[in-house]
Amino acid sequence: MLKYSSQGGILNLSINTKGLNEAQIRVIRMVNSVLLELLSSNNEAQFFEKSAELMRLSAITIKQSNFNNLNSEQSVIGHSLDGPKIPYAEQAIEFSIDNLFEIFSGINLSNKLVNFDN
């Protein structure tokens, strides 16, 4: 559950972290911190560094998601009792990068960057 409220220039986020481990909670904190630094940056170098950091943290978030832990009991050679381990996190990151490439290159015109102004 995620709740937002804002009052007097302050945005409050309430996140139910039940079911998340400490590493996942740290990533949430880091993403929010870097996101705020990126959005408020007036320095070109900082803008590019924080953009890259946010993308790196996005990949970490994907890798640490609970979805990747559904089939977590792996043997030394990377196979579970049910068959080979499927690298969902890597596939999701590749899928995301491919989508971004398509958006920026104009290959898939149905995928556009959306500007949220509300």
PDB file of N, CA and C in Angstrom:
ATOM      1  N   MET A   1       0.840  -1.162   0.000  1.00  0.00           N
ATOM      2  CA  MET A   1       0.000   0.000   0.000  1.00  0.00           C
ATOM      3  C   MET A   1       0.895   1.237   0.000  1.00  0.00           C
ATOM      4  N   LEU A   2       0.506   2.218  -0.797  1.00  0.00           N
ATOM      5  CA  LEU A   2       1.240   3.457  -0.919  1.00  0.00           C
ATOM      6  C   LEU A   2       0.258   4.604  -0.778  1.00  0.00           C
ATOM      7  N   LYS A   3       0.551   5.525   0.133  1.00  0.00           N
ATOM      8  CA  LYS A   3      -0.313   6.682   0.345  1.00  0.00           C
ATOM      9  C   LYS A   3       0.513   7.949   0.170  1.00  0.00           C
ATOM     10  N   TYR A   4      -0.093   8.917  -0.481  1.00  0.00           N
ATOM     11  CA  TYR A   4       0.528  10.221  -0.658  1.00  0.00           C
ATOM     12  C   TYR A   4      -0.351  11.272   0.002  1.00  0.00           C
ATOM     13  N   SER A   5       0.284  12.278   0.547  1.00  0.00           N
ATOM     14  CA  SER A   5      -0.436  13.472   0.983  1.00  0.00           C
ATOM     15  C   SER A   5       0.539  14.640   0.867  1.00  0.00           C
ATOM     16  N   SER A   6       0.006  15.787   0.542  1.00  0.00           N
ATOM     17  CA  SER A   6       0.873  16.956   0.478  1.00  0.00           C
ATOM     18  C   SER A   6       0.191  18.126   1.142  1.00  0.00           C
ATOM     19  N   GLN A   7       1.012  18.915   1.800  1.00  0.00           N
ATOM     20  CA  GLN A   7       0.489  20.069   2.513  1.00  0.00           C
ATOM     21  C   GLN A   7       1.637  21.054   2.692  1.00  0.00           C
ATOM     22  N   GLY A   8       1.429  22.278   2.278  1.00  0.00           N
ATOM     23  CA  GLY A   8       2.416  23.338   2.500  1.00  0.00           C
ATOM     24  C   GLY A   8       3.776  23.051   1.890  1.00  0.00           C
ATOM     25  N   GLY A   9       3.813  22.497   0.691  1.00  0.00           N
ATOM     26  CA  GLY A   9       5.100  22.231   0.036  1.00  0.00           C
ATOM     27  C   GLY A   9       5.791  20.970   0.507  1.00  0.00           C
ATOM     28  N   ILE A  10       5.133  20.156   1.309  1.00  0.00           N
ATOM     29  CA  ILE A  10       5.698  18.904   1.812  1.00  0.00           C
ATOM     30  C   ILE A  10       4.897  17.746   1.232  1.00  0.00           C
ATOM     31  N   LEU A  11       5.588  16.789   0.633  1.00  0.00           N
ATOM     32  CA  LEU A  11       4.954  15.568   0.143  1.00  0.00           C
ATOM     33  C   LEU A  11       5.284  14.447   1.113  1.00  0.00           C
ATOM     34  N   ASN A  12       4.262  13.834   1.665  1.00  0.00           N
ATOM     35  CA  ASN A  12       4.442  12.713   2.587  1.00  0.00           C
ATOM     36  C   ASN A  12       4.102  11.418   1.868  1.00  0.00           C
ATOM     37  N   LEU A  13       5.002  10.459   1.982  1.00  0.00           N
ATOM     38  CA  LEU A  13       4.792   9.134   1.423  1.00  0.00           C
ATOM     39  C   LEU A  13       4.691   8.145   2.571  1.00  0.00           C
ATOM     40  N   SER A  14       3.657   7.339   2.536  1.00  0.00           N
ATOM     41  CA  SER A  14       3.519   6.247   3.497  1.00  0.00           C
ATOM     42  C   SER A  14       3.537   4.957   2.708  1.00  0.00           C
ATOM     43  N   ILE A  15       4.498   4.104   3.022  1.00  0.00           N
ATOM     44  CA  ILE A  15       4.664   2.853   2.299  1.00  0.00           C
ATOM     45  C   ILE A  15       4.558   1.703   3.280  1.00  0.00           C
ATOM     46  N   ASN A  16       3.668   0.768   2.998  1.00  0.00           N
ATOM     47  CA  ASN A  16       3.562  -0.438   3.801  1.00  0.00           C
ATOM     48  C   ASN A  16       4.694  -1.367   3.356  1.00  0.00           C
ATOM     49  N   THR A  17       5.669  -1.567   4.199  1.00  0.00           N
ATOM     50  CA  THR A  17       6.843  -2.377   3.849  1.00  0.00           C
ATOM     51  C   THR A  17       6.714  -3.829   4.285  1.00  0.00           C
ATOM     52  N   LYS A  18       5.529  -4.216   4.712  1.00  0.00           N
ATOM     53  CA  LYS A  18       5.314  -5.614   5.089  1.00  0.00           C
ATOM     54  C   LYS A  18       5.603  -6.488   3.870  1.00  0.00           C
ATOM     55  N   GLY A  19       6.404  -7.496   4.033  1.00  0.00           N
ATOM     56  CA  GLY A  19       6.770  -8.374   2.936  1.00  0.00           C
ATOM     57  C   GLY A  19       8.039  -7.947   2.215  1.00  0.00           C
ATOM     58  N   LEU A  20       8.617  -6.823   2.626  1.00  0.00           N
ATOM     59  CA  LEU A  20       9.881  -6.374   2.036  1.00  0.00           C
ATOM     60  C   LEU A  20      11.009  -6.585   3.034  1.00  0.00           C
ATOM     61  N   ASN A  21      12.186  -6.912   2.516  1.00  0.00           N
ATOM     62  CA  ASN A  21      13.330  -7.080   3.408  1.00  0.00           C
ATOM     63  C   ASN A  21      14.082  -5.753   3.554  1.00  0.00           C
ATOM     64  N   GLU A  22      15.080  -5.733   4.396  1.00  0.00           N
ATOM     65  CA  GLU A  22      15.827  -4.499   4.675  1.00  0.00           C
ATOM     66  C   GLU A  22      16.513  -3.940   3.430  1.00  0.00           C
ATOM     67  N   ALA A  23      17.044  -4.814   2.575  1.00  0.00           N
ATOM     68  CA  ALA A  23      17.701  -4.347   1.345  1.00  0.00           C
ATOM     69  C   ALA A  23      16.696  -3.652   0.433  1.00  0.00           C
ATOM     70  N   GLN A  24      15.493  -4.188   0.329  1.00  0.00           N
ATOM     71  CA  GLN A  24      14.463  -3.577  -0.505  1.00  0.00           C
ATOM     72  C   GLN A  24      14.034  -2.221   0.055  1.00  0.00           C
ATOM     73  N   ILE A  25      13.946  -2.129   1.357  1.00  0.00           N
ATOM     74  CA  ILE A  25      13.581  -0.854   1.996  1.00  0.00           C
ATOM     75  C   ILE A  25      14.674   0.185   1.765  1.00  0.00           C
ATOM     76  N   ARG A  26      15.937  -0.235   1.846  1.00  0.00           N
ATOM     77  CA  ARG A  26      17.051   0.687   1.565  1.00  0.00           C
ATOM     78  C   ARG A  26      16.987   1.191   0.130  1.00  0.00           C
ATOM     79  N   VAL A  27      16.661   0.313  -0.807  1.00  0.00           N
ATOM     80  CA  VAL A  27      16.564   0.729  -2.210  1.00  0.00           C
ATOM     81  C   VAL A  27      15.449   1.757  -2.387  1.00  0.00           C
ATOM     82  N   ILE A  28      14.330   1.569  -1.719  1.00  0.00           N
ATOM     83  CA  ILE A  28      13.236   2.547  -1.784  1.00  0.00           C
ATOM     84  C   ILE A  28      13.726   3.910  -1.303  1.00  0.00           C
ATOM     85  N   ARG A  29      14.438   3.910  -0.187  1.00  0.00           N
ATOM     86  CA  ARG A  29      14.967   5.173   0.354  1.00  0.00           C
ATOM     87  C   ARG A  29      15.954   5.811  -0.621  1.00  0.00           C
ATOM     88  N   MET A  30      16.845   4.997  -1.172  1.00  0.00           N
ATOM     89  CA  MET A  30      17.852   5.514  -2.101  1.00  0.00           C
ATOM     90  C   MET A  30      17.202   6.069  -3.363  1.00  0.00           C
ATOM     91  N   VAL A  31      16.222   5.353  -3.918  1.00  0.00           N
ATOM     92  CA  VAL A  31      15.542   5.815  -5.131  1.00  0.00           C
ATOM     93  C   VAL A  31      14.876   7.162  -4.872  1.00  0.00           C
ATOM     94  N   ASN A  32      14.181   7.292  -3.763  1.00  0.00           N
ATOM     95  CA  ASN A  32      13.520   8.561  -3.450  1.00  0.00           C
ATOM     96  C   ASN A  32      14.525   9.691  -3.261  1.00  0.00           C
ATOM     97  N   SER A  33      15.624   9.414  -2.608  1.00  0.00           N
ATOM     98  CA  SER A  33      16.651  10.430  -2.386  1.00  0.00           C
ATOM     99  C   SER A  33      17.273  10.888  -3.709  1.00  0.00           C
ATOM    100  N   VAL A  34      17.664   9.935  -4.544  1.00  0.00           N
ATOM    101  CA  VAL A  34      18.285  10.269  -5.834  1.00  0.00           C
ATOM    102  C   VAL A  34      17.272  10.955  -6.743  1.00  0.00           C
ATOM    103  N   LEU A  35      16.035  10.515  -6.716  1.00  0.00           N
ATOM    104  CA  LEU A  35      14.994  11.125  -7.533  1.00  0.00           C
ATOM    105  C   LEU A  35      14.815  12.597  -7.166  1.00  0.00           C
ATOM    106  N   LEU A  36      14.778  12.904  -5.887  1.00  0.00           N
ATOM    107  CA  LEU A  36      14.639  14.291  -5.437  1.00  0.00           C
ATOM    108  C   LEU A  36      15.852  15.119  -5.871  1.00  0.00           C
ATOM    109  N   GLU A  37      17.057  14.556  -5.715  1.00  0.00           N
ATOM    110  CA  GLU A  37      18.266  15.269  -6.145  1.00  0.00           C
ATOM    111  C   GLU A  37      18.251  15.525  -7.647  1.00  0.00           C
ATOM    112  N   LEU A  38      17.800  14.544  -8.419  1.00  0.00           N
ATOM    113  CA  LEU A  38      17.725  14.692  -9.867  1.00  0.00           C
ATOM    114  C   LEU A  38      16.722  15.775 -10.263  1.00  0.00           C
ATOM    115  N   LEU A  39      15.532  15.723  -9.681  1.00  0.00           N
ATOM    116  CA  LEU A  39      14.487  16.678 -10.037  1.00  0.00           C
ATOM    117  C   LEU A  39      14.823  18.105  -9.640  1.00  0.00           C
ATOM    118  N   SER A  40      15.623  18.287  -8.602  1.00  0.00           N
ATOM    119  CA  SER A  40      15.950  19.639  -8.132  1.00  0.00           C
ATOM    120  C   SER A  40      17.329  20.110  -8.577  1.00  0.00           C
ATOM    121  N   SER A  41      18.019  19.329  -9.390  1.00  0.00           N
ATOM    122  CA  SER A  41      19.375  19.678  -9.808  1.00  0.00           C
ATOM    123  C   SER A  41      19.401  20.873 -10.763  1.00  0.00           C
ATOM    124  N   ASN A  42      20.345  21.753 -10.549  1.00  0.00           N
ATOM    125  CA  ASN A  42      20.606  22.885 -11.444  1.00  0.00           C
ATOM    126  C   ASN A  42      21.989  22.787 -12.058  1.00  0.00           C
ATOM    127  N   ASN A  43      22.685  21.694 -11.778  1.00  0.00           N
ATOM    128  CA  ASN A  43      24.059  21.503 -12.221  1.00  0.00           C
ATOM    129  C   ASN A  43      24.088  20.392 -13.264  1.00  0.00           C
ATOM    130  N   GLU A  44      24.699  20.656 -14.415  1.00  0.00           N
ATOM    131  CA  GLU A  44      24.693  19.683 -15.509  1.00  0.00           C
ATOM    132  C   GLU A  44      25.354  18.363 -15.120  1.00  0.00           C
ATOM    133  N   ALA A  45      26.512  18.434 -14.495  1.00  0.00           N
ATOM    134  CA  ALA A  45      27.211  17.203 -14.107  1.00  0.00           C
ATOM    135  C   ALA A  45      26.375  16.394 -13.123  1.00  0.00           C
ATOM    136  N   GLN A  46      25.796  17.076 -12.142  1.00  0.00           N
ATOM    137  CA  GLN A  46      24.954  16.388 -11.159  1.00  0.00           C
ATOM    138  C   GLN A  46      23.722  15.785 -11.837  1.00  0.00           C
ATOM    139  N   PHE A  47      23.144  16.514 -12.778  1.00  0.00           N
ATOM    140  CA  PHE A  47      21.973  16.030 -13.498  1.00  0.00           C
ATOM    141  C   PHE A  47      22.272  14.709 -14.196  1.00  0.00           C
ATOM    142  N   PHE A  48      23.410  14.640 -14.910  1.00  0.00           N
ATOM    143  CA  PHE A  48      23.763  13.414 -15.621  1.00  0.00           C
ATOM    144  C   PHE A  48      24.148  12.296 -14.654  1.00  0.00           C
ATOM    145  N   GLU A  49      24.875  12.629 -13.588  1.00  0.00           N
ATOM    146  CA  GLU A  49      25.261  11.612 -12.607  1.00  0.00           C
ATOM    147  C   GLU A  49      24.031  11.028 -11.907  1.00  0.00           C
ATOM    148  N   LYS A  50      23.105  11.883 -11.516  1.00  0.00           N
ATOM    149  CA  LYS A  50      21.902  11.402 -10.822  1.00  0.00           C
ATOM    150  C   LYS A  50      20.989  10.632 -11.775  1.00  0.00           C
ATOM    151  N   SER A  51      20.958  11.014 -13.049  1.00  0.00           N
ATOM    152  CA  SER A  51      20.171  10.257 -14.033  1.00  0.00           C
ATOM    153  C   SER A  51      20.707   8.838 -14.151  1.00  0.00           C
ATOM    154  N   ALA A  52      22.029   8.717 -14.267  1.00  0.00           N
ATOM    155  CA  ALA A  52      22.654   7.393 -14.364  1.00  0.00           C
ATOM    156  C   ALA A  52      22.440   6.602 -13.074  1.00  0.00           C
ATOM    157  N   GLU A  53      22.541   7.280 -11.939  1.00  0.00           N
ATOM    158  CA  GLU A  53      22.342   6.614 -10.644  1.00  0.00           C
ATOM    159  C   GLU A  53      20.904   6.107 -10.514  1.00  0.00           C
ATOM    160  N   LEU A  54      19.936   6.893 -10.967  1.00  0.00           N
ATOM    161  CA  LEU A  54      18.540   6.467 -10.899  1.00  0.00           C
ATOM    162  C   LEU A  54      18.299   5.243 -11.776  1.00  0.00           C
ATOM    163  N   MET A  55      18.909   5.205 -12.952  1.00  0.00           N
ATOM    164  CA  MET A  55      18.773   4.031 -13.821  1.00  0.00           C
ATOM    165  C   MET A  55      19.415   2.805 -13.169  1.00  0.00           C
ATOM    166  N   ARG A  56      20.582   2.994 -12.550  1.00  0.00           N
ATOM    167  CA  ARG A  56      21.255   1.884 -11.862  1.00  0.00           C
ATOM    168  C   ARG A  56      20.388   1.364 -10.717  1.00  0.00           C
ATOM    169  N   LEU A  57      19.805   2.286  -9.951  1.00  0.00           N
ATOM    170  CA  LEU A  57      18.935   1.891  -8.847  1.00  0.00           C
ATOM    171  C   LEU A  57      17.663   1.206  -9.348  1.00  0.00           C
ATOM    172  N   SER A  58      17.190   1.601 -10.507  1.00  0.00           N
ATOM    173  CA  SER A  58      16.025   0.930 -11.094  1.00  0.00           C
ATOM    174  C   SER A  58      16.358  -0.526 -11.390  1.00  0.00           C
ATOM    175  N   ALA A  59      17.550  -0.768 -11.924  1.00  0.00           N
ATOM    176  CA  ALA A  59      17.967  -2.147 -12.202  1.00  0.00           C
ATOM    177  C   ALA A  59      18.112  -2.932 -10.900  1.00  0.00           C
ATOM    178  N   ILE A  60      18.661  -2.314  -9.868  1.00  0.00           N
ATOM    179  CA  ILE A  60      18.785  -2.976  -8.566  1.00  0.00           C
ATOM    180  C   ILE A  60      17.403  -3.309  -8.017  1.00  0.00           C
ATOM    181  N   THR A  61      16.462  -2.383  -8.155  1.00  0.00           N
ATOM    182  CA  THR A  61      15.098  -2.603  -7.676  1.00  0.00           C
ATOM    183  C   THR A  61      14.476  -3.811  -8.364  1.00  0.00           C
ATOM    184  N   ILE A  62      14.665  -3.892  -9.680  1.00  0.00           N
ATOM    185  CA  ILE A  62      14.130  -5.027 -10.438  1.00  0.00           C
ATOM    186  C   ILE A  62      14.766  -6.329  -9.960  1.00  0.00           C
ATOM    187  N   LYS A  63      16.076  -6.311  -9.745  1.00  0.00           N
ATOM    188  CA  LYS A  63      16.774  -7.522  -9.309  1.00  0.00           C
ATOM    189  C   LYS A  63      16.374  -7.949  -7.901  1.00  0.00           C
ATOM    190  N   GLN A  64      15.999  -6.988  -7.048  1.00  0.00           N
ATOM    191  CA  GLN A  64      15.642  -7.306  -5.667  1.00  0.00           C
ATOM    192  C   GLN A  64      14.147  -7.522  -5.464  1.00  0.00           C
ATOM    193  N   SER A  65      13.377  -7.515  -6.531  1.00  0.00           N
ATOM    194  CA  SER A  65      11.932  -7.662  -6.377  1.00  0.00           C
ATOM    195  C   SER A  65      11.568  -9.045  -5.851  1.00  0.00           C
ATOM    196  N   ASN A  66      10.446  -9.138  -5.203  1.00  0.00           N
ATOM    197  CA  ASN A  66       9.977 -10.419  -4.674  1.00  0.00           C
ATOM    198  C   ASN A  66       9.664 -11.403  -5.790  1.00  0.00           C
ATOM    199  N   PHE A  67       9.347 -10.900  -6.987  1.00  0.00           N
ATOM    200  CA  PHE A  67       9.055 -11.780  -8.112  1.00  0.00           C
ATOM    201  C   PHE A  67      10.247 -12.689  -8.397  1.00  0.00           C
ATOM    202  N   ASN A  68      11.443 -12.164  -8.250  1.00  0.00           N
ATOM    203  CA  ASN A  68      12.652 -12.945  -8.515  1.00  0.00           C
ATOM    204  C   ASN A  68      12.919 -13.995  -7.448  1.00  0.00           C
ATOM    205  N   ASN A  69      12.246 -13.893  -6.311  1.00  0.00           N
ATOM    206  CA  ASN A  69      12.444 -14.849  -5.226  1.00  0.00           C
ATOM    207  C   ASN A  69      11.444 -15.997  -5.253  1.00  0.00           C
ATOM    208  N   LEU A  70      10.548 -16.006  -6.239  1.00  0.00           N
ATOM    209  CA  LEU A  70       9.538 -17.065  -6.300  1.00  0.00           C
ATOM    210  C   LEU A  70      10.159 -18.440  -6.478  1.00  0.00           C
ATOM    211  N   ASN A  71      11.268 -18.499  -7.201  1.00  0.00           N
ATOM    212  CA  ASN A  71      11.957 -19.756  -7.466  1.00  0.00           C
ATOM    213  C   ASN A  71      13.384 -19.639  -6.940  1.00  0.00           C
ATOM    214  N   SER A  72      13.519 -19.303  -5.641  1.00  0.00           N
ATOM    215  CA  SER A  72      14.822 -18.935  -5.100  1.00  0.00           C
ATOM    216  C   SER A  72      15.705 -20.107  -4.694  1.00  0.00           C
ATOM    217  N   GLU A  73      15.159 -21.295  -4.521  1.00  0.00           N
ATOM    218  CA  GLU A  73      15.992 -22.416  -4.108  1.00  0.00           C
ATOM    219  C   GLU A  73      16.716 -22.977  -5.320  1.00  0.00           C
ATOM    220  N   GLN A  74      17.943 -22.534  -5.498  1.00  0.00           N
ATOM    221  CA  GLN A  74      18.738 -22.920  -6.661  1.00  0.00           C
ATOM    222  C   GLN A  74      19.911 -23.798  -6.211  1.00  0.00           C
ATOM    223  N   SER A  75      20.304 -24.696  -7.071  1.00  0.00           N
ATOM    224  CA  SER A  75      21.481 -25.505  -6.780  1.00  0.00           C
ATOM    225  C   SER A  75      22.717 -24.732  -7.203  1.00  0.00           C
ATOM    226  N   VAL A  76      23.873 -25.300  -6.945  1.00  0.00           N
ATOM    227  CA  VAL A  76      25.140 -24.654  -7.271  1.00  0.00           C
ATOM    228  C   VAL A  76      25.267 -24.395  -8.762  1.00  0.00           C
ATOM    229  N   ILE A  77      24.731 -25.255  -9.597  1.00  0.00           N
ATOM    230  CA  ILE A  77      24.885 -25.081 -11.040  1.00  0.00           C
ATOM    231  C   ILE A  77      23.785 -24.214 -11.645  1.00  0.00           C
ATOM    232  N   GLY A  78      22.943 -23.609 -10.818  1.00  0.00           N
ATOM    233  CA  GLY A  78      21.945 -22.677 -11.316  1.00  0.00           C
ATOM    234  C   GLY A  78      20.635 -23.302 -11.746  1.00  0.00           C
ATOM    235  N   HIS A  79      20.360 -24.512 -11.306  1.00  0.00           N
ATOM    236  CA  HIS A  79      19.109 -25.162 -11.652  1.00  0.00           C
ATOM    237  C   HIS A  79      18.353 -25.514 -10.375  1.00  0.00           C
ATOM    238  N   SER A  80      17.051 -25.361 -10.428  1.00  0.00           N
ATOM    239  CA  SER A  80      16.234 -25.760  -9.293  1.00  0.00           C
ATOM    240  C   SER A  80      15.764 -27.188  -9.521  1.00  0.00           C
ATOM    241  N   LEU A  81      15.018 -27.696  -8.582  1.00  0.00           N
ATOM    242  CA  LEU A  81      14.470 -29.033  -8.733  1.00  0.00           C
ATOM    243  C   LEU A  81      13.462 -29.090  -9.880  1.00  0.00           C
ATOM    244  N   ASP A  82      12.854 -27.940 -10.189  1.00  0.00           N
ATOM    245  CA  ASP A  82      11.839 -27.877 -11.235  1.00  0.00           C
ATOM    246  C   ASP A  82      12.411 -27.602 -12.621  1.00  0.00           C
ATOM    247  N   GLY A  83      13.703 -27.425 -12.751  1.00  0.00           N
ATOM    248  CA  GLY A  83      14.296 -27.125 -14.054  1.00  0.00           C
ATOM    249  C   GLY A  83      15.236 -25.943 -13.967  1.00  0.00           C
ATOM    250  N   PRO A  84      15.656 -25.440 -15.122  1.00  0.00           N
ATOM    251  CA  PRO A  84      16.630 -24.351 -15.123  1.00  0.00           C
ATOM    252  C   PRO A  84      16.042 -23.060 -14.551  1.00  0.00           C
ATOM    253  N   LYS A  85      16.904 -22.289 -13.911  1.00  0.00           N
ATOM    254  CA  LYS A  85      16.501 -20.999 -13.359  1.00  0.00           C
ATOM    255  C   LYS A  85      16.267 -20.028 -14.515  1.00  0.00           C
ATOM    256  N   ILE A  86      15.144 -19.354 -14.503  1.00  0.00           N
ATOM    257  CA  ILE A  86      14.835 -18.361 -15.521  1.00  0.00           C
ATOM    258  C   ILE A  86      15.292 -16.999 -15.000  1.00  0.00           C
ATOM    259  N   PRO A  87      16.157 -16.320 -15.722  1.00  0.00           N
ATOM    260  CA  PRO A  87      16.679 -15.025 -15.244  1.00  0.00           C
ATOM    261  C   PRO A  87      15.668 -13.896 -15.485  1.00  0.00           C
ATOM    262  N   TYR A  88      14.586 -13.903 -14.711  1.00  0.00           N
ATOM    263  CA  TYR A  88      13.526 -12.928 -14.914  1.00  0.00           C
ATOM    264  C   TYR A  88      14.023 -11.490 -14.793  1.00  0.00           C
ATOM    265  N   ALA A  89      14.852 -11.205 -13.790  1.00  0.00           N
ATOM    266  CA  ALA A  89      15.322  -9.829 -13.590  1.00  0.00           C
ATOM    267  C   ALA A  89      16.094  -9.338 -14.808  1.00  0.00           C
ATOM    268  N   GLU A  90      16.996 -10.160 -15.296  1.00  0.00           N
ATOM    269  CA  GLU A  90      17.774  -9.760 -16.469  1.00  0.00           C
ATOM    270  C   GLU A  90      16.876  -9.576 -17.684  1.00  0.00           C
ATOM    271  N   GLN A  91      15.896 -10.463 -17.836  1.00  0.00           N
ATOM    272  CA  GLN A  91      14.961 -10.340 -18.963  1.00  0.00           C
ATOM    273  C   GLN A  91      14.121  -9.075 -18.840  1.00  0.00           C
ATOM    274  N   ALA A  92      13.684  -8.747 -17.633  1.00  0.00           N
ATOM    275  CA  ALA A  92      12.883  -7.536 -17.429  1.00  0.00           C
ATOM    276  C   ALA A  92      13.706  -6.280 -17.715  1.00  0.00           C
ATOM    277  N   ILE A  93      14.967  -6.286 -17.295  1.00  0.00           N
ATOM    278  CA  ILE A  93      15.836  -5.138 -17.558  1.00  0.00           C
ATOM    279  C   ILE A  93      16.092  -5.000 -19.058  1.00  0.00           C
ATOM    280  N   GLU A  94      16.382  -6.102 -19.736  1.00  0.00           N
ATOM    281  CA  GLU A  94      16.583  -6.058 -21.190  1.00  0.00           C
ATOM    282  C   GLU A  94      15.325  -5.567 -21.901  1.00  0.00           C
ATOM    283  N   PHE A  95      14.168  -6.050 -21.474  1.00  0.00           N
ATOM    284  CA  PHE A  95      12.894  -5.630 -22.050  1.00  0.00           C
ATOM    285  C   PHE A  95      12.706  -4.122 -21.879  1.00  0.00           C
ATOM    286  N   SER A  96      13.021  -3.614 -20.687  1.00  0.00           N
ATOM    287  CA  SER A  96      12.888  -2.186 -20.405  1.00  0.00           C
ATOM    288  C   SER A  96      13.829  -1.355 -21.267  1.00  0.00           C
ATOM    289  N   ILE A  97      15.062  -1.806 -21.396  1.00  0.00           N
ATOM    290  CA  ILE A  97      16.036  -1.092 -22.221  1.00  0.00           C
ATOM    291  C   ILE A  97      15.601  -1.091 -23.679  1.00  0.00           C
ATOM    292  N   ASP A  98      15.108  -2.220 -24.156  1.00  0.00           N
ATOM    293  CA  ASP A  98      14.608  -2.292 -25.537  1.00  0.00           C
ATOM    294  C   ASP A  98      13.451  -1.315 -25.747  1.00  0.00           C
ATOM    295  N   ASN A  99      12.533  -1.244 -24.781  1.00  0.00           N
ATOM    296  CA  ASN A  99      11.411  -0.316 -24.890  1.00  0.00           C
ATOM    297  C   ASN A  99      11.886   1.133 -24.910  1.00  0.00           C
ATOM    298  N   LEU A 100      12.838   1.461 -24.040  1.00  0.00           N
ATOM    299  CA  LEU A 100      13.384   2.824 -24.038  1.00  0.00           C
ATOM    300  C   LEU A 100      14.041   3.145 -25.374  1.00  0.00           C
ATOM    301  N   PHE A 101      14.788   2.197 -25.914  1.00  0.00           N
ATOM    302  CA  PHE A 101      15.431   2.404 -27.213  1.00  0.00           C
ATOM    303  C   PHE A 101      14.383   2.674 -28.291  1.00  0.00           C
ATOM    304  N   GLU A 102      13.309   1.892 -28.276  1.00  0.00           N
ATOM    305  CA  GLU A 102      12.245   2.081 -29.261  1.00  0.00           C
ATOM    306  C   GLU A 102      11.578   3.446 -29.110  1.00  0.00           C
ATOM    307  N   ILE A 103      11.377   3.875 -27.874  1.00  0.00           N
ATOM    308  CA  ILE A 103      10.754   5.184 -27.634  1.00  0.00           C
ATOM    309  C   ILE A 103      11.639   6.301 -28.175  1.00  0.00           C
ATOM    310  N   PHE A 104      12.927   6.260 -27.829  1.00  0.00           N
ATOM    311  CA  PHE A 104      13.816   7.345 -28.218  1.00  0.00           C
ATOM    312  C   PHE A 104      14.207   7.306 -29.683  1.00  0.00           C
ATOM    313  N   SER A 105      14.176   6.144 -30.294  1.00  0.00           N
ATOM    314  CA  SER A 105      14.547   6.052 -31.706  1.00  0.00           C
ATOM    315  C   SER A 105      13.353   6.224 -32.632  1.00  0.00           C
ATOM    316  N   GLY A 106      12.140   6.218 -32.084  1.00  0.00           N
ATOM    317  CA  GLY A 106      10.944   6.394 -32.894  1.00  0.00           C
ATOM    318  C   GLY A 106      10.502   5.134 -33.616  1.00  0.00           C
ATOM    319  N   ILE A 107      11.054   3.972 -33.231  1.00  0.00           N
ATOM    320  CA  ILE A 107      10.687   2.711 -33.883  1.00  0.00           C
ATOM    321  C   ILE A 107       9.235   2.360 -33.598  1.00  0.00           C
ATOM    322  N   ASN A 108       8.840   2.457 -32.365  1.00  0.00           N
ATOM    323  CA  ASN A 108       7.472   2.099 -31.962  1.00  0.00           C
ATOM    324  C   ASN A 108       6.751   3.379 -31.553  1.00  0.00           C
ATOM    325  N   LEU A 109       5.977   3.946 -32.461  1.00  0.00           N
ATOM    326  CA  LEU A 109       5.323   5.219 -32.198  1.00  0.00           C
ATOM    327  C   LEU A 109       4.165   5.102 -31.214  1.00  0.00           C
ATOM    328  N   SER A 110       3.681   3.888 -30.956  1.00  0.00           N
ATOM    329  CA  SER A 110       2.611   3.736 -29.966  1.00  0.00           C
ATOM    330  C   SER A 110       3.159   3.863 -28.550  1.00  0.00           C
ATOM    331  N   ASN A 111       4.456   3.650 -28.381  1.00  0.00           N
ATOM    332  CA  ASN A 111       5.128   3.849 -27.094  1.00  0.00           C
ATOM    333  C   ASN A 111       5.716   5.252 -27.087  1.00  0.00           C
ATOM    334  N   LYS A 112       5.128   6.153 -26.303  1.00  0.00           N
ATOM    335  CA  LYS A 112       5.630   7.512 -26.233  1.00  0.00           C
ATOM    336  C   LYS A 112       5.924   7.836 -24.775  1.00  0.00           C
ATOM    337  N   LEU A 113       6.870   8.753 -24.579  1.00  0.00           N
ATOM    338  CA  LEU A 113       7.078   9.263 -23.240  1.00  0.00           C
ATOM    339  C   LEU A 113       5.882  10.122 -22.878  1.00  0.00           C
ATOM    340  N   VAL A 114       5.383   9.937 -21.682  1.00  0.00           N
ATOM    341  CA  VAL A 114       4.219  10.677 -21.229  1.00  0.00           C
ATOM    342  C   VAL A 114       4.676  11.715 -20.223  1.00  0.00           C
ATOM    343  N   ASN A 115       4.223  12.926 -20.418  1.00  0.00           N
ATOM    344  CA  ASN A 115       4.558  14.013 -19.496  1.00  0.00           C
ATOM    345  C   ASN A 115       3.391  14.180 -18.536  1.00  0.00           C
ATOM    346  N   PHE A 116       3.617  13.932 -17.245  1.00  0.00           N
ATOM    347  CA  PHE A 116       2.573  14.041 -16.241  1.00  0.00           C
ATOM    348  C   PHE A 116       2.609  15.449 -15.651  1.00  0.00           C
ATOM    349  N   ASP A 117       1.540  16.209 -15.870  1.00  0.00           N
ATOM    350  CA  ASP A 117       1.481  17.593 -15.377  1.00  0.00           C
ATOM    351  C   ASP A 117       0.386  17.811 -14.364  1.00  0.00           C
ATOM    352  N   ASN A 118      -0.007  16.797 -13.624  1.00  0.00           N
ATOM    353  CA  ASN A 118      -1.112  17.010 -12.708  1.00  0.00           C
ATOM    354  C   ASN A 118      -0.654  17.227 -11.316  1.00  0.00           C
TER     355      ASN A 118
END
